[in-house]
Amino acid sequence: MPNRYECWPAARSRQALYLPIGRDELLRRLPTATNEDVNALTVSPEALDDFFARFDAPADDEDVIIYPAIWASS
């Protein structure tokens, strides 16, 4: 067993997941997410627009699992 200052090597590698959900769907979900969790960060429509303006979807050559858009509408 390692002492307090040692770390065990990770058993798994990290994997990025991309869930392609459109702006309109996220706007629809915002009130529900904010009301269900008292610790949720409040996101305004303007903040969401700012995020979408700066966000770049993963490129084809990046090691990312992309979930199909069908999942995003459920």
N, C-alpha and C. Protein backbone atom coordinates (compact mmCIF):
# COMPACT_ATOMS: atom_id res chain seq x y z
N MET A 1 0.86 -1.18 0.00
CA MET A 1 0.00 0.00 0.00
C MET A 1 0.90 1.24 0.00
N PRO A 2 0.58 2.23 -0.84
CA PRO A 2 1.42 3.42 -0.88
C PRO A 2 1.23 4.26 0.37
N ASN A 3 2.25 5.04 0.70
CA ASN A 3 2.05 5.95 1.82
C ASN A 3 1.16 7.10 1.37
N ARG A 4 0.92 8.01 2.24
CA ARG A 4 -0.03 9.09 1.99
C ARG A 4 0.31 9.95 0.77
N TYR A 5 1.59 10.05 0.44
CA TYR A 5 2.02 10.95 -0.63
C TYR A 5 2.31 10.24 -1.95
N GLU A 6 2.06 8.95 -2.01
CA GLU A 6 2.27 8.21 -3.24
C GLU A 6 0.92 8.00 -3.93
N CYS A 7 0.99 7.75 -5.21
CA CYS A 7 -0.23 7.49 -5.98
C CYS A 7 -0.09 6.17 -6.70
N TRP A 8 -1.16 5.46 -6.78
CA TRP A 8 -1.18 4.25 -7.60
C TRP A 8 -1.35 4.68 -9.05
N PRO A 9 -0.73 3.97 -9.97
CA PRO A 9 -0.97 4.32 -11.39
C PRO A 9 -2.43 4.06 -11.76
N ALA A 10 -2.93 4.85 -12.65
CA ALA A 10 -4.33 4.70 -13.08
C ALA A 10 -4.51 3.37 -13.80
N ALA A 11 -5.58 2.71 -13.49
CA ALA A 11 -5.87 1.42 -14.11
C ALA A 11 -6.47 1.58 -15.51
N ARG A 12 -7.05 2.73 -15.76
CA ARG A 12 -7.69 2.97 -17.05
C ARG A 12 -7.19 4.28 -17.64
N SER A 13 -7.24 4.35 -18.93
CA SER A 13 -6.89 5.62 -19.57
C SER A 13 -8.13 6.50 -19.63
N ARG A 14 -7.91 7.77 -19.83
CA ARG A 14 -9.03 8.71 -19.95
C ARG A 14 -9.55 8.69 -21.38
N GLN A 15 -10.83 8.95 -21.50
CA GLN A 15 -11.44 9.00 -22.82
C GLN A 15 -12.40 10.17 -22.86
N ALA A 16 -12.27 11.01 -23.86
CA ALA A 16 -13.17 12.15 -24.01
C ALA A 16 -14.45 11.69 -24.71
N LEU A 17 -15.57 12.19 -24.23
CA LEU A 17 -16.88 11.91 -24.84
C LEU A 17 -17.45 13.22 -25.35
N TYR A 18 -18.01 13.18 -26.53
CA TYR A 18 -18.64 14.37 -27.11
C TYR A 18 -20.10 14.05 -27.35
N LEU A 19 -20.96 14.83 -26.75
CA LEU A 19 -22.40 14.65 -26.89
C LEU A 19 -22.93 15.83 -27.69
N PRO A 20 -23.16 15.64 -28.98
CA PRO A 20 -23.56 16.77 -29.83
C PRO A 20 -25.01 17.18 -29.61
N ILE A 21 -25.21 18.09 -28.67
CA ILE A 21 -26.55 18.59 -28.37
C ILE A 21 -26.60 20.04 -28.83
N GLY A 22 -27.60 20.37 -29.59
CA GLY A 22 -27.74 21.71 -30.15
C GLY A 22 -28.16 22.75 -29.12
N ARG A 23 -27.98 23.99 -29.48
CA ARG A 23 -28.30 25.12 -28.61
C ARG A 23 -29.77 25.12 -28.19
N ASP A 24 -30.67 24.89 -29.12
CA ASP A 24 -32.10 24.93 -28.80
C ASP A 24 -32.48 23.87 -27.77
N GLU A 25 -31.91 22.68 -27.90
CA GLU A 25 -32.18 21.60 -26.95
C GLU A 25 -31.60 21.95 -25.58
N LEU A 26 -30.42 22.51 -25.55
CA LEU A 26 -29.83 22.91 -24.27
C LEU A 26 -30.65 24.02 -23.60
N LEU A 27 -31.13 24.97 -24.39
CA LEU A 27 -31.99 26.02 -23.83
C LEU A 27 -33.26 25.43 -23.23
N ARG A 28 -33.81 24.44 -23.90
CA ARG A 28 -35.01 23.78 -23.40
C ARG A 28 -34.74 23.09 -22.06
N ARG A 29 -33.54 22.52 -21.90
CA ARG A 29 -33.20 21.77 -20.69
C ARG A 29 -32.74 22.64 -19.53
N LEU A 30 -32.32 23.86 -19.78
CA LEU A 30 -31.76 24.71 -18.72
C LEU A 30 -32.67 24.88 -17.50
N PRO A 31 -33.92 25.23 -17.66
CA PRO A 31 -34.75 25.43 -16.47
C PRO A 31 -34.88 24.16 -15.63
N THR A 32 -35.01 23.02 -16.25
CA THR A 32 -35.15 21.76 -15.52
C THR A 32 -33.88 21.45 -14.75
N ALA A 33 -32.74 21.57 -15.40
CA ALA A 33 -31.47 21.27 -14.73
C ALA A 33 -31.22 22.19 -13.55
N THR A 34 -31.55 23.44 -13.70
CA THR A 34 -31.32 24.42 -12.63
C THR A 34 -32.26 24.18 -11.46
N ASN A 35 -33.51 23.80 -11.74
CA ASN A 35 -34.49 23.58 -10.68
C ASN A 35 -34.29 22.27 -9.94
N GLU A 36 -33.70 21.27 -10.58
CA GLU A 36 -33.53 19.96 -9.95
C GLU A 36 -32.34 19.89 -9.01
N ASP A 37 -31.36 20.74 -9.17
CA ASP A 37 -30.15 20.68 -8.35
C ASP A 37 -29.87 22.05 -7.76
N VAL A 38 -29.98 22.13 -6.45
CA VAL A 38 -29.77 23.43 -5.80
C VAL A 38 -28.33 23.92 -5.95
N ASN A 39 -27.41 23.03 -6.24
CA ASN A 39 -26.01 23.42 -6.43
C ASN A 39 -25.68 23.69 -7.88
N ALA A 40 -26.66 23.61 -8.76
CA ALA A 40 -26.41 23.80 -10.19
C ALA A 40 -26.02 25.24 -10.48
N LEU A 41 -25.12 25.38 -11.40
CA LEU A 41 -24.71 26.70 -11.87
C LEU A 41 -25.81 27.24 -12.78
N THR A 42 -26.25 28.45 -12.53
CA THR A 42 -27.27 29.05 -13.38
C THR A 42 -26.61 29.52 -14.68
N VAL A 43 -27.16 29.07 -15.78
CA VAL A 43 -26.62 29.43 -17.10
C VAL A 43 -27.70 30.22 -17.84
N SER A 44 -27.38 31.43 -18.18
CA SER A 44 -28.33 32.27 -18.91
C SER A 44 -28.25 31.93 -20.41
N PRO A 45 -29.28 32.27 -21.16
CA PRO A 45 -29.21 32.09 -22.62
C PRO A 45 -28.03 32.83 -23.24
N GLU A 46 -27.69 33.99 -22.67
CA GLU A 46 -26.55 34.76 -23.19
C GLU A 46 -25.24 34.03 -22.95
N ALA A 47 -25.10 33.41 -21.76
CA ALA A 47 -23.89 32.64 -21.46
C ALA A 47 -23.78 31.42 -22.37
N LEU A 48 -24.91 30.80 -22.66
CA LEU A 48 -24.91 29.66 -23.57
C LEU A 48 -24.50 30.09 -24.97
N ASP A 49 -24.99 31.23 -25.43
CA ASP A 49 -24.59 31.77 -26.74
C ASP A 49 -23.09 32.04 -26.78
N ASP A 50 -22.55 32.58 -25.69
CA ASP A 50 -21.11 32.85 -25.61
C ASP A 50 -20.32 31.55 -25.70
N PHE A 51 -20.79 30.52 -25.01
CA PHE A 51 -20.13 29.22 -25.06
C PHE A 51 -20.13 28.67 -26.49
N PHE A 52 -21.30 28.70 -27.13
CA PHE A 52 -21.39 28.17 -28.50
C PHE A 52 -20.51 28.95 -29.47
N ALA A 53 -20.34 30.24 -29.24
CA ALA A 53 -19.49 31.05 -30.12
C ALA A 53 -18.02 30.66 -30.00
N ARG A 54 -17.60 30.16 -28.84
CA ARG A 54 -16.19 29.82 -28.61
C ARG A 54 -15.89 28.33 -28.73
N PHE A 55 -16.90 27.47 -28.77
CA PHE A 55 -16.70 26.03 -28.75
C PHE A 55 -16.36 25.49 -30.13
N ASP A 56 -15.37 24.60 -30.18
CA ASP A 56 -15.04 23.88 -31.41
C ASP A 56 -15.32 22.41 -31.19
N ALA A 57 -16.15 21.83 -32.03
CA ALA A 57 -16.42 20.40 -31.94
C ALA A 57 -15.14 19.63 -32.23
N PRO A 58 -15.02 18.41 -31.72
CA PRO A 58 -13.80 17.63 -31.96
C PRO A 58 -13.57 17.40 -33.45
N ALA A 59 -12.31 17.43 -33.84
CA ALA A 59 -11.93 17.16 -35.23
C ALA A 59 -11.92 15.65 -35.47
N ASP A 60 -11.97 15.28 -36.73
CA ASP A 60 -12.00 13.85 -37.09
C ASP A 60 -10.77 13.10 -36.61
N ASP A 61 -9.64 13.78 -36.49
CA ASP A 61 -8.40 13.09 -36.10
C ASP A 61 -8.18 13.05 -34.58
N GLU A 62 -9.13 13.54 -33.79
CA GLU A 62 -9.00 13.51 -32.34
C GLU A 62 -9.57 12.21 -31.79
N ASP A 63 -8.99 11.75 -30.70
CA ASP A 63 -9.41 10.50 -30.08
C ASP A 63 -10.57 10.78 -29.13
N VAL A 64 -11.76 10.87 -29.71
CA VAL A 64 -12.96 11.23 -28.97
C VAL A 64 -14.07 10.27 -29.36
N ILE A 65 -14.84 9.84 -28.38
CA ILE A 65 -16.04 9.05 -28.67
C ILE A 65 -17.17 10.04 -28.88
N ILE A 66 -17.79 9.97 -30.04
CA ILE A 66 -18.90 10.87 -30.36
C ILE A 66 -20.20 10.08 -30.33
N TYR A 67 -21.07 10.47 -29.42
CA TYR A 67 -22.37 9.82 -29.35
C TYR A 67 -23.25 10.36 -30.47
N PRO A 68 -24.09 9.50 -31.04
CA PRO A 68 -24.94 9.97 -32.14
C PRO A 68 -25.94 11.02 -31.67
N ALA A 69 -26.34 11.87 -32.59
CA ALA A 69 -27.27 12.96 -32.29
C ALA A 69 -28.62 12.42 -31.82
N ILE A 70 -28.98 11.20 -32.16
CA ILE A 70 -30.25 10.61 -31.71
C ILE A 70 -30.31 10.60 -30.19
N TRP A 71 -29.18 10.31 -29.54
CA TRP A 71 -29.12 10.29 -28.08
C TRP A 71 -29.47 11.66 -27.52
N ALA A 72 -29.04 12.69 -28.18
CA ALA A 72 -29.18 14.06 -27.68
C ALA A 72 -30.63 14.50 -27.57
N SER A 73 -31.53 13.89 -28.28
CA SER A 73 -32.91 14.34 -28.25
C SER A 73 -33.76 13.62 -27.21
N SER A 74 -33.15 12.68 -26.48
CA SER A 74 -33.96 11.93 -25.50
C SER A 74 -34.01 12.62 -24.17
